[in-house]
Amino acid sequence: MSVDRTEVADRGEDDAVSTLAASAGVPYYPVAPGVRLNVRSGPGTSYPIIKVLPEGTRVAIYCQRPGTSVTGPYGTSTIWDNIANGEYVSDAYVRTGSDGYIRPRCS
């Protein structure tokens, strides 16, 4: 499962990433309401959790890649969103307005 209700992310890092994304003109997308979302080191549930995003977070998506299938509030998806260097979240928990890829594939 992609949701963890016990850890809390450090807001200082999120603010730095937000500033960088805003300056790069990358759009932000909301995480599903009421969800604290696991951020993993790779595109799948077998990768370690490196932090947890708090409720109400919006994320910049730099690129996307296929990974393990996850079912969340926005359906079932194998798409994983790269939100920072080495940080991935399941697209099934991010409201992008599409069931497909909305950003370039990660290289």
PDB file of N, CA and C in Angstrom:
ATOM      1  N   MET A   1       0.837  -1.174   0.000  1.00  0.00           N
ATOM      2  CA  MET A   1       0.000   0.000   0.000  1.00  0.00           C
ATOM      3  C   MET A   1       0.880   1.234   0.000  1.00  0.00           C
ATOM      4  N   SER A   2       0.408   2.350  -0.547  1.00  0.00           N
ATOM      5  CA  SER A   2       1.218   3.540  -0.697  1.00  0.00           C
ATOM      6  C   SER A   2       0.998   4.579   0.384  1.00  0.00           C
ATOM      7  N   VAL A   3       0.214   4.279   1.373  1.00  0.00           N
ATOM      8  CA  VAL A   3      -0.086   5.287   2.377  1.00  0.00           C
ATOM      9  C   VAL A   3       0.414   4.820   3.735  1.00  0.00           C
ATOM     10  N   ASP A   4       1.028   5.741   4.456  1.00  0.00           N
ATOM     11  CA  ASP A   4       1.519   5.440   5.796  1.00  0.00           C
ATOM     12  C   ASP A   4       1.012   6.548   6.704  1.00  0.00           C
ATOM     13  N   ARG A   5       0.459   6.203   7.806  1.00  0.00           N
ATOM     14  CA  ARG A   5      -0.147   7.197   8.685  1.00  0.00           C
ATOM     15  C   ARG A   5       0.674   7.438   9.952  1.00  0.00           C
ATOM     16  N   THR A   6       1.993   7.096   9.920  1.00  0.00           N
ATOM     17  CA  THR A   6       2.771   7.254  11.135  1.00  0.00           C
ATOM     18  C   THR A   6       3.962   8.200  11.016  1.00  0.00           C
ATOM     19  N   GLU A   7       4.489   8.415   9.827  1.00  0.00           N
ATOM     20  CA  GLU A   7       5.659   9.267   9.678  1.00  0.00           C
ATOM     21  C   GLU A   7       5.246  10.661   9.210  1.00  0.00           C
ATOM     22  N   VAL A   8       6.124  11.644   9.418  1.00  0.00           N
ATOM     23  CA  VAL A   8       5.858  13.016   9.018  1.00  0.00           C
ATOM     24  C   VAL A   8       7.044  13.535   8.231  1.00  0.00           C
ATOM     25  N   ALA A   9       6.767  14.248   7.146  1.00  0.00           N
ATOM     26  CA  ALA A   9       7.834  14.815   6.323  1.00  0.00           C
ATOM     27  C   ALA A   9       8.352  16.118   6.920  1.00  0.00           C
ATOM     28  N   ASP A  10       9.591  16.419   6.632  1.00  0.00           N
ATOM     29  CA  ASP A  10      10.211  17.678   7.036  1.00  0.00           C
ATOM     30  C   ASP A  10       9.820  18.753   6.035  1.00  0.00           C
ATOM     31  N   ARG A  11       9.103  19.777   6.466  1.00  0.00           N
ATOM     32  CA  ARG A  11       8.609  20.814   5.568  1.00  0.00           C
ATOM     33  C   ARG A  11       9.727  21.655   4.964  1.00  0.00           C
ATOM     34  N   GLY A  12      10.884  21.744   5.599  1.00  0.00           N
ATOM     35  CA  GLY A  12      11.980  22.538   5.070  1.00  0.00           C
ATOM     36  C   GLY A  12      12.417  22.065   3.697  1.00  0.00           C
ATOM     37  N   GLU A  13      12.554  20.747   3.503  1.00  0.00           N
ATOM     38  CA  GLU A  13      12.917  20.195   2.203  1.00  0.00           C
ATOM     39  C   GLU A  13      11.831  20.458   1.182  1.00  0.00           C
ATOM     40  N   ASP A  14      10.572  20.305   1.564  1.00  0.00           N
ATOM     41  CA  ASP A  14       9.471  20.524   0.647  1.00  0.00           C
ATOM     42  C   ASP A  14       9.465  21.955   0.142  1.00  0.00           C
ATOM     43  N   ASP A  15       9.756  22.919   1.021  1.00  0.00           N
ATOM     44  CA  ASP A  15       9.787  24.312   0.618  1.00  0.00           C
ATOM     45  C   ASP A  15      10.884  24.564  -0.412  1.00  0.00           C
ATOM     46  N   ALA A  16      12.051  23.957  -0.238  1.00  0.00           N
ATOM     47  CA  ALA A  16      13.149  24.127  -1.194  1.00  0.00           C
ATOM     48  C   ALA A  16      12.786  23.524  -2.543  1.00  0.00           C
ATOM     49  N   VAL A  17      12.157  22.352  -2.540  1.00  0.00           N
ATOM     50  CA  VAL A  17      11.737  21.713  -3.786  1.00  0.00           C
ATOM     51  C   VAL A  17      10.662  22.554  -4.458  1.00  0.00           C
ATOM     52  N   SER A  18       9.721  23.101  -3.688  1.00  0.00           N
ATOM     53  CA  SER A  18       8.665  23.938  -4.239  1.00  0.00           C
ATOM     54  C   SER A  18       9.233  25.167  -4.933  1.00  0.00           C
ATOM     55  N   THR A  19      10.223  25.793  -4.308  1.00  0.00           N
ATOM     56  CA  THR A  19      10.847  26.973  -4.888  1.00  0.00           C
ATOM     57  C   THR A  19      11.534  26.618  -6.202  1.00  0.00           C
ATOM     58  N   LEU A  20      12.258  25.517  -6.244  1.00  0.00           N
ATOM     59  CA  LEU A  20      12.941  25.083  -7.452  1.00  0.00           C
ATOM     60  C   LEU A  20      11.937  24.775  -8.557  1.00  0.00           C
ATOM     61  N   ALA A  21      10.868  24.066  -8.242  1.00  0.00           N
ATOM     62  CA  ALA A  21       9.863  23.706  -9.239  1.00  0.00           C
ATOM     63  C   ALA A  21       9.168  24.946  -9.785  1.00  0.00           C
ATOM     64  N   ALA A  22       8.855  25.879  -8.915  1.00  0.00           N
ATOM     65  CA  ALA A  22       8.191  27.103  -9.360  1.00  0.00           C
ATOM     66  C   ALA A  22       9.078  27.876 -10.328  1.00  0.00           C
ATOM     67  N   SER A  23      10.371  27.933 -10.045  1.00  0.00           N
ATOM     68  CA  SER A  23      11.272  28.667 -10.923  1.00  0.00           C
ATOM     69  C   SER A  23      11.460  27.951 -12.253  1.00  0.00           C
ATOM     70  N   ALA A  24      11.236  26.638 -12.302  1.00  0.00           N
ATOM     71  CA  ALA A  24      11.380  25.874 -13.530  1.00  0.00           C
ATOM     72  C   ALA A  24      10.070  25.833 -14.326  1.00  0.00           C
ATOM     73  N   GLY A  25       8.984  26.400 -13.790  1.00  0.00           N
ATOM     74  CA  GLY A  25       7.702  26.410 -14.477  1.00  0.00           C
ATOM     75  C   GLY A  25       7.021  25.051 -14.517  1.00  0.00           C
ATOM     76  N   VAL A  26       7.291  24.192 -13.558  1.00  0.00           N
ATOM     77  CA  VAL A  26       6.687  22.866 -13.502  1.00  0.00           C
ATOM     78  C   VAL A  26       5.351  22.983 -12.787  1.00  0.00           C
ATOM     79  N   PRO A  27       4.267  22.436 -13.382  1.00  0.00           N
ATOM     80  CA  PRO A  27       2.965  22.525 -12.708  1.00  0.00           C
ATOM     81  C   PRO A  27       2.895  21.630 -11.465  1.00  0.00           C
ATOM     82  N   TYR A  28       2.027  22.004 -10.543  1.00  0.00           N
ATOM     83  CA  TYR A  28       1.803  21.249  -9.307  1.00  0.00           C
ATOM     84  C   TYR A  28       0.464  20.534  -9.384  1.00  0.00           C
ATOM     85  N   TYR A  29       0.399  19.369  -8.733  1.00  0.00           N
ATOM     86  CA  TYR A  29      -0.807  18.553  -8.712  1.00  0.00           C
ATOM     87  C   TYR A  29      -1.110  18.171  -7.270  1.00  0.00           C
ATOM     88  N   PRO A  30      -2.392  18.174  -6.880  1.00  0.00           N
ATOM     89  CA  PRO A  30      -2.737  17.842  -5.493  1.00  0.00           C
ATOM     90  C   PRO A  30      -2.719  16.341  -5.212  1.00  0.00           C
ATOM     91  N   VAL A  31      -2.237  15.997  -4.027  1.00  0.00           N
ATOM     92  CA  VAL A  31      -2.334  14.632  -3.521  1.00  0.00           C
ATOM     93  C   VAL A  31      -3.774  14.450  -3.041  1.00  0.00           C
ATOM     94  N   ALA A  32      -4.305  13.248  -3.124  1.00  0.00           N
ATOM     95  CA  ALA A  32      -5.690  12.963  -2.739  1.00  0.00           C
ATOM     96  C   ALA A  32      -5.995  13.500  -1.337  1.00  0.00           C
ATOM     97  N   PRO A  33      -7.182  14.058  -1.144  1.00  0.00           N
ATOM     98  CA  PRO A  33      -7.556  14.601   0.163  1.00  0.00           C
ATOM     99  C   PRO A  33      -7.485  13.551   1.271  1.00  0.00           C
ATOM    100  N   GLY A  34      -7.006  13.972   2.424  1.00  0.00           N
ATOM    101  CA  GLY A  34      -6.945  13.105   3.596  1.00  0.00           C
ATOM    102  C   GLY A  34      -5.847  12.061   3.564  1.00  0.00           C
ATOM    103  N   VAL A  35      -4.936  12.161   2.607  1.00  0.00           N
ATOM    104  CA  VAL A  35      -3.880  11.157   2.450  1.00  0.00           C
ATOM    105  C   VAL A  35      -2.522  11.743   2.823  1.00  0.00           C
ATOM    106  N   ARG A  36      -1.788  10.980   3.609  1.00  0.00           N
ATOM    107  CA  ARG A  36      -0.365  11.246   3.854  1.00  0.00           C
ATOM    108  C   ARG A  36       0.371  10.233   2.998  1.00  0.00           C
ATOM    109  N   LEU A  37       1.072  10.701   1.982  1.00  0.00           N
ATOM    110  CA  LEU A  37       1.574   9.835   0.920  1.00  0.00           C
ATOM    111  C   LEU A  37       3.033   9.458   1.092  1.00  0.00           C
ATOM    112  N   ASN A  38       3.308   8.152   0.991  1.00  0.00           N
ATOM    113  CA  ASN A  38       4.682   7.666   1.049  1.00  0.00           C
ATOM    114  C   ASN A  38       5.456   8.115  -0.181  1.00  0.00           C
ATOM    115  N   VAL A  39       6.663   8.582   0.051  1.00  0.00           N
ATOM    116  CA  VAL A  39       7.596   8.898  -1.033  1.00  0.00           C
ATOM    117  C   VAL A  39       8.646   7.801  -0.995  1.00  0.00           C
ATOM    118  N   ARG A  40       8.876   7.177  -2.140  1.00  0.00           N
ATOM    119  CA  ARG A  40       9.804   6.046  -2.213  1.00  0.00           C
ATOM    120  C   ARG A  40      11.021   6.405  -3.053  1.00  0.00           C
ATOM    121  N   SER A  41      12.085   5.636  -2.870  1.00  0.00           N
ATOM    122  CA  SER A  41      13.341   5.905  -3.575  1.00  0.00           C
ATOM    123  C   SER A  41      13.326   5.414  -5.022  1.00  0.00           C
ATOM    124  N   GLY A  42      12.284   4.729  -5.433  1.00  0.00           N
ATOM    125  CA  GLY A  42      12.150   4.235  -6.793  1.00  0.00           C
ATOM    126  C   GLY A  42      10.697   4.003  -7.130  1.00  0.00           C
ATOM    127  N   PRO A  43      10.404   3.624  -8.381  1.00  0.00           N
ATOM    128  CA  PRO A  43       9.028   3.499  -8.858  1.00  0.00           C
ATOM    129  C   PRO A  43       8.359   2.172  -8.513  1.00  0.00           C
ATOM    130  N   GLY A  44       8.164   1.928  -7.229  1.00  0.00           N
ATOM    131  CA  GLY A  44       7.488   0.704  -6.835  1.00  0.00           C
ATOM    132  C   GLY A  44       7.396   0.555  -5.335  1.00  0.00           C
ATOM    133  N   THR A  45       6.481  -0.294  -4.911  1.00  0.00           N
ATOM    134  CA  THR A  45       6.255  -0.495  -3.481  1.00  0.00           C
ATOM    135  C   THR A  45       7.372  -1.287  -2.808  1.00  0.00           C
ATOM    136  N   SER A  46       8.258  -1.890  -3.588  1.00  0.00           N
ATOM    137  CA  SER A  46       9.387  -2.615  -2.985  1.00  0.00           C
ATOM    138  C   SER A  46      10.553  -1.687  -2.640  1.00  0.00           C
ATOM    139  N   TYR A  47      10.509  -0.453  -3.120  1.00  0.00           N
ATOM    140  CA  TYR A  47      11.559   0.520  -2.790  1.00  0.00           C
ATOM    141  C   TYR A  47      11.310   1.084  -1.392  1.00  0.00           C
ATOM    142  N   PRO A  48      12.374   1.456  -0.689  1.00  0.00           N
ATOM    143  CA  PRO A  48      12.202   1.999   0.669  1.00  0.00           C
ATOM    144  C   PRO A  48      11.432   3.326   0.685  1.00  0.00           C
ATOM    145  N   ILE A  49      10.675   3.523   1.758  1.00  0.00           N
ATOM    146  CA  ILE A  49      10.017   4.813   2.001  1.00  0.00           C
ATOM    147  C   ILE A  49      11.082   5.759   2.539  1.00  0.00           C
ATOM    148  N   ILE A  50      11.211   6.926   1.893  1.00  0.00           N
ATOM    149  CA  ILE A  50      12.233   7.881   2.349  1.00  0.00           C
ATOM    150  C   ILE A  50      11.633   9.059   3.115  1.00  0.00           C
ATOM    151  N   LYS A  51      10.342   9.304   2.920  1.00  0.00           N
ATOM    152  CA  LYS A  51       9.618  10.309   3.709  1.00  0.00           C
ATOM    153  C   LYS A  51       8.139  10.156   3.422  1.00  0.00           C
ATOM    154  N   VAL A  52       7.318  10.886   4.155  1.00  0.00           N
ATOM    155  CA  VAL A  52       5.871  10.862   3.971  1.00  0.00           C
ATOM    156  C   VAL A  52       5.396  12.300   3.804  1.00  0.00           C
ATOM    157  N   LEU A  53       4.631  12.543   2.752  1.00  0.00           N
ATOM    158  CA  LEU A  53       4.100  13.889   2.514  1.00  0.00           C
ATOM    159  C   LEU A  53       2.862  14.107   3.383  1.00  0.00           C
ATOM    160  N   PRO A  54       2.738  15.276   3.996  1.00  0.00           N
ATOM    161  CA  PRO A  54       1.559  15.545   4.839  1.00  0.00           C
ATOM    162  C   PRO A  54       0.296  15.763   4.001  1.00  0.00           C
ATOM    163  N   GLU A  55      -0.844  15.662   4.656  1.00  0.00           N
ATOM    164  CA  GLU A  55      -2.123  15.916   3.996  1.00  0.00           C
ATOM    165  C   GLU A  55      -2.119  17.308   3.385  1.00  0.00           C
ATOM    166  N   GLY A  56      -2.784  17.448   2.236  1.00  0.00           N
ATOM    167  CA  GLY A  56      -2.912  18.747   1.591  1.00  0.00           C
ATOM    168  C   GLY A  56      -1.723  19.150   0.731  1.00  0.00           C
ATOM    169  N   THR A  57      -0.780  18.243   0.534  1.00  0.00           N
ATOM    170  CA  THR A  57       0.412  18.545  -0.254  1.00  0.00           C
ATOM    171  C   THR A  57       0.082  18.609  -1.742  1.00  0.00           C
ATOM    172  N   ARG A  58       0.772  19.494  -2.434  1.00  0.00           N
ATOM    173  CA  ARG A  58       0.754  19.550  -3.898  1.00  0.00           C
ATOM    174  C   ARG A  58       2.162  19.203  -4.354  1.00  0.00           C
ATOM    175  N   VAL A  59       2.281  18.416  -5.425  1.00  0.00           N
ATOM    176  CA  VAL A  59       3.596  17.985  -5.877  1.00  0.00           C
ATOM    177  C   VAL A  59       3.863  18.419  -7.306  1.00  0.00           C
ATOM    178  N   ALA A  60       5.110  18.740  -7.578  1.00  0.00           N
ATOM    179  CA  ALA A  60       5.568  18.962  -8.945  1.00  0.00           C
ATOM    180  C   ALA A  60       5.966  17.601  -9.497  1.00  0.00           C
ATOM    181  N   ILE A  61       5.599  17.332 -10.734  1.00  0.00           N
ATOM    182  CA  ILE A  61       5.983  16.072 -11.376  1.00  0.00           C
ATOM    183  C   ILE A  61       6.969  16.421 -12.494  1.00  0.00           C
ATOM    184  N   TYR A  62       8.204  15.950 -12.347  1.00  0.00           N
ATOM    185  CA  TYR A  62       9.247  16.255 -13.320  1.00  0.00           C
ATOM    186  C   TYR A  62       9.250  15.270 -14.477  1.00  0.00           C
ATOM    187  N   CYS A  63       9.009  14.002 -14.177  1.00  0.00           N
ATOM    188  CA  CYS A  63       8.911  12.968 -15.196  1.00  0.00           C
ATOM    189  C   CYS A  63       8.167  11.792 -14.582  1.00  0.00           C
ATOM    190  N   GLN A  64       7.806  10.815 -15.401  1.00  0.00           N
ATOM    191  CA  GLN A  64       7.061   9.653 -14.922  1.00  0.00           C
ATOM    192  C   GLN A  64       7.673   8.386 -15.501  1.00  0.00           C
ATOM    193  N   ARG A  65       7.498   7.277 -14.777  1.00  0.00           N
ATOM    194  CA  ARG A  65       7.996   5.997 -15.269  1.00  0.00           C
ATOM    195  C   ARG A  65       7.090   4.881 -14.784  1.00  0.00           C
ATOM    196  N   PRO A  66       7.092   3.753 -15.494  1.00  0.00           N
ATOM    197  CA  PRO A  66       6.278   2.624 -15.053  1.00  0.00           C
ATOM    198  C   PRO A  66       6.900   1.929 -13.847  1.00  0.00           C
ATOM    199  N   GLY A  67       6.046   1.328 -13.047  1.00  0.00           N
ATOM    200  CA  GLY A  67       6.494   0.590 -11.866  1.00  0.00           C
ATOM    201  C   GLY A  67       5.400  -0.346 -11.415  1.00  0.00           C
ATOM    202  N   THR A  68       5.423  -0.713 -10.137  1.00  0.00           N
ATOM    203  CA  THR A  68       4.417  -1.644  -9.640  1.00  0.00           C
ATOM    204  C   THR A  68       3.032  -1.008  -9.646  1.00  0.00           C
ATOM    205  N   SER A  69       2.038  -1.842  -9.819  1.00  0.00           N
ATOM    206  CA  SER A  69       0.649  -1.397  -9.857  1.00  0.00           C
ATOM    207  C   SER A  69       0.164  -1.065  -8.448  1.00  0.00           C
ATOM    208  N   VAL A  70      -0.513   0.081  -8.331  1.00  0.00           N
ATOM    209  CA  VAL A  70      -1.055   0.536  -7.051  1.00  0.00           C
ATOM    210  C   VAL A  70      -2.490   1.005  -7.280  1.00  0.00           C
ATOM    211  N   THR A  71      -3.380   0.669  -6.363  1.00  0.00           N
ATOM    212  CA  THR A  71      -4.751   1.156  -6.406  1.00  0.00           C
ATOM    213  C   THR A  71      -4.910   2.232  -5.343  1.00  0.00           C
ATOM    214  N   GLY A  72      -5.441   3.377  -5.753  1.00  0.00           N
ATOM    215  CA  GLY A  72      -5.627   4.502  -4.840  1.00  0.00           C
ATOM    216  C   GLY A  72      -6.909   5.235  -5.166  1.00  0.00           C
ATOM    217  N   PRO A  73      -7.086   6.422  -4.618  1.00  0.00           N
ATOM    218  CA  PRO A  73      -8.306   7.200  -4.828  1.00  0.00           C
ATOM    219  C   PRO A  73      -8.580   7.543  -6.295  1.00  0.00           C
ATOM    220  N   TYR A  74      -7.524   7.589  -7.119  1.00  0.00           N
ATOM    221  CA  TYR A  74      -7.694   7.947  -8.527  1.00  0.00           C
ATOM    222  C   TYR A  74      -7.532   6.743  -9.449  1.00  0.00           C
ATOM    223  N   GLY A  75      -7.859   5.556  -8.940  1.00  0.00           N
ATOM    224  CA  GLY A  75      -7.837   4.356  -9.762  1.00  0.00           C
ATOM    225  C   GLY A  75      -6.613   3.494  -9.517  1.00  0.00           C
ATOM    226  N   THR A  76      -6.410   2.557 -10.428  1.00  0.00           N
ATOM    227  CA  THR A  76      -5.254   1.673 -10.374  1.00  0.00           C
ATOM    228  C   THR A  76      -4.276   2.113 -11.450  1.00  0.00           C
ATOM    229  N   SER A  77      -3.015   2.242 -11.076  1.00  0.00           N
ATOM    230  CA  SER A  77      -2.025   2.759 -12.016  1.00  0.00           C
ATOM    231  C   SER A  77      -0.676   2.091 -11.808  1.00  0.00           C
ATOM    232  N   THR A  78       0.060   1.957 -12.902  1.00  0.00           N
ATOM    233  CA  THR A  78       1.457   1.516 -12.840  1.00  0.00           C
ATOM    234  C   THR A  78       2.396   2.697 -13.055  1.00  0.00           C
ATOM    235  N   ILE A  79       1.839   3.896 -13.141  1.00  0.00           N
ATOM    236  CA  ILE A  79       2.645   5.108 -13.352  1.00  0.00           C
ATOM    237  C   ILE A  79       3.141   5.622 -12.007  1.00  0.00           C
ATOM    238  N   TRP A  80       4.428   5.960 -11.950  1.00  0.00           N
ATOM    239  CA  TRP A  80       5.046   6.553 -10.769  1.00  0.00           C
ATOM    240  C   TRP A  80       5.589   7.922 -11.142  1.00  0.00           C
ATOM    241  N   ASP A  81       5.290   8.911 -10.299  1.00  0.00           N
ATOM    242  CA  ASP A  81       5.671  10.306 -10.543  1.00  0.00           C
ATOM    243  C   ASP A  81       6.972  10.633  -9.830  1.00  0.00           C
ATOM    244  N   ASN A  82       7.928  11.175 -10.574  1.00  0.00           N
ATOM    245  CA  ASN A  82       9.188  11.638  -9.991  1.00  0.00           C
ATOM    246  C   ASN A  82       8.960  13.066  -9.506  1.00  0.00           C
ATOM    247  N   ILE A  83       8.997  13.264  -8.169  1.00  0.00           N
ATOM    248  CA  ILE A  83       8.692  14.573  -7.592  1.00  0.00           C
ATOM    249  C   ILE A  83       9.949  15.331  -7.158  1.00  0.00           C
ATOM    250  N   ALA A  84      11.076  14.661  -7.163  1.00  0.00           N
ATOM    251  CA  ALA A  84      12.386  15.255  -6.847  1.00  0.00           C
ATOM    252  C   ALA A  84      13.430  14.194  -7.184  1.00  0.00           C
ATOM    253  N   ASN A  85      14.676  14.558  -7.125  1.00  0.00           N
ATOM    254  CA  ASN A  85      15.739  13.620  -7.453  1.00  0.00           C
ATOM    255  C   ASN A  85      15.671  12.389  -6.544  1.00  0.00           C
ATOM    256  N   GLY A  86      15.399  11.216  -7.136  1.00  0.00           N
ATOM    257  CA  GLY A  86      15.330   9.979  -6.361  1.00  0.00           C
ATOM    258  C   GLY A  86      14.099   9.838  -5.500  1.00  0.00           C
ATOM    259  N   GLU A  87      13.020  10.582  -5.795  1.00  0.00           N
ATOM    260  CA  GLU A  87      11.787  10.534  -5.004  1.00  0.00           C
ATOM    261  C   GLU A  87      10.590  10.281  -5.912  1.00  0.00           C
ATOM    262  N   TYR A  88       9.848   9.205  -5.599  1.00  0.00           N
ATOM    263  CA  TYR A  88       8.710   8.792  -6.419  1.00  0.00           C
ATOM    264  C   TYR A  88       7.462   8.573  -5.577  1.00  0.00           C
ATOM    265  N   VAL A  89       6.297   8.923  -6.163  1.00  0.00           N
ATOM    266  CA  VAL A  89       5.002   8.624  -5.555  1.00  0.00           C
ATOM    267  C   VAL A  89       4.123   7.961  -6.609  1.00  0.00           C
ATOM    268  N   SER A  90       3.192   7.136  -6.161  1.00  0.00           N
ATOM    269  CA  SER A  90       2.270   6.489  -7.088  1.00  0.00           C
ATOM    270  C   SER A  90       1.300   7.516  -7.651  1.00  0.00           C
ATOM    271  N   ASP A  91       1.112   7.470  -8.967  1.00  0.00           N
ATOM    272  CA  ASP A  91       0.194   8.384  -9.640  1.00  0.00           C
ATOM    273  C   ASP A  91      -1.255   8.133  -9.235  1.00  0.00           C
ATOM    274  N   ALA A  92      -1.560   6.970  -8.662  1.00  0.00           N
ATOM    275  CA  ALA A  92      -2.913   6.651  -8.222  1.00  0.00           C
ATOM    276  C   ALA A  92      -3.359   7.537  -7.060  1.00  0.00           C
ATOM    277  N   TYR A  93      -2.410   8.263  -6.452  1.00  0.00           N
ATOM    278  CA  TYR A  93      -2.711   9.149  -5.328  1.00  0.00           C
ATOM    279  C   TYR A  93      -2.556  10.626  -5.674  1.00  0.00           C
ATOM    280  N   VAL A  94      -2.285  10.937  -6.946  1.00  0.00           N
ATOM    281  CA  VAL A  94      -2.076  12.321  -7.369  1.00  0.00           C
ATOM    282  C   VAL A  94      -3.123  12.663  -8.429  1.00  0.00           C
ATOM    283  N   ARG A  95      -3.841  13.766  -8.231  1.00  0.00           N
ATOM    284  CA  ARG A  95      -4.893  14.166  -9.178  1.00  0.00           C
ATOM    285  C   ARG A  95      -4.272  14.936 -10.337  1.00  0.00           C
ATOM    286  N   THR A  96      -3.978  14.196 -11.412  1.00  0.00           N
ATOM    287  CA  THR A  96      -3.386  14.816 -12.595  1.00  0.00           C
ATOM    288  C   THR A  96      -4.423  15.129 -13.657  1.00  0.00           C
ATOM    289  N   GLY A  97      -5.627  14.554 -13.530  1.00  0.00           N
ATOM    290  CA  GLY A  97      -6.661  14.759 -14.532  1.00  0.00           C
ATOM    291  C   GLY A  97      -6.555  13.790 -15.699  1.00  0.00           C
ATOM    292  N   SER A  98      -5.663  12.797 -15.588  1.00  0.00           N
ATOM    293  CA  SER A  98      -5.460  11.845 -16.673  1.00  0.00           C
ATOM    294  C   SER A  98      -5.131  10.472 -16.097  1.00  0.00           C
ATOM    295  N   ASP A  99      -5.520   9.426 -16.824  1.00  0.00           N
ATOM    296  CA  ASP A  99      -5.137   8.066 -16.454  1.00  0.00           C
ATOM    297  C   ASP A  99      -3.821   7.663 -17.106  1.00  0.00           C
ATOM    298  N   GLY A 100      -3.290   8.535 -17.967  1.00  0.00           N
ATOM    299  CA  GLY A 100      -2.059   8.233 -18.677  1.00  0.00           C
ATOM    300  C   GLY A 100      -0.922   9.144 -18.250  1.00  0.00           C
ATOM    301  N   TYR A 101       0.141   9.097 -19.027  1.00  0.00           N
ATOM    302  CA  TYR A 101       1.310   9.936 -18.763  1.00  0.00           C
ATOM    303  C   TYR A 101       1.005  11.383 -19.103  1.00  0.00           C
ATOM    304  N   ILE A 102       1.393  12.294 -18.217  1.00  0.00           N
ATOM    305  CA  ILE A 102       1.186  13.723 -18.443  1.00  0.00           C
ATOM    306  C   ILE A 102       2.502  14.483 -18.535  1.00  0.00           C
ATOM    307  N   ARG A 103       3.592  13.791 -18.203  1.00  0.00           N
ATOM    308  CA  ARG A 103       4.936  14.370 -18.247  1.00  0.00           C
ATOM    309  C   ARG A 103       5.837  13.410 -19.009  1.00  0.00           C
ATOM    310  N   PRO A 104       7.014  13.846 -19.430  1.00  0.00           N
ATOM    311  CA  PRO A 104       7.905  12.942 -20.157  1.00  0.00           C
ATOM    312  C   PRO A 104       8.298  11.737 -19.295  1.00  0.00           C
ATOM    313  N   ARG A 105       8.667  10.662 -19.948  1.00  0.00           N
ATOM    314  CA  ARG A 105       9.152   9.482 -19.218  1.00  0.00           C
ATOM    315  C   ARG A 105      10.549   9.782 -18.690  1.00  0.00           C
ATOM    316  N   CYS A 106      10.813   9.309 -17.468  1.00  0.00           N
ATOM    317  CA  CYS A 106      12.127   9.497 -16.863  1.00  0.00           C
ATOM    318  C   CYS A 106      13.152   8.672 -17.638  1.00  0.00           C
ATOM    319  N   SER A 107      14.348   9.222 -17.768  1.00  0.00           N
ATOM    320  CA  SER A 107      15.395   8.481 -18.480  1.00  0.00           C
ATOM    321  C   SER A 107      16.236   7.675 -17.529  1.00  0.00           C
TER     322      SER A 107
END
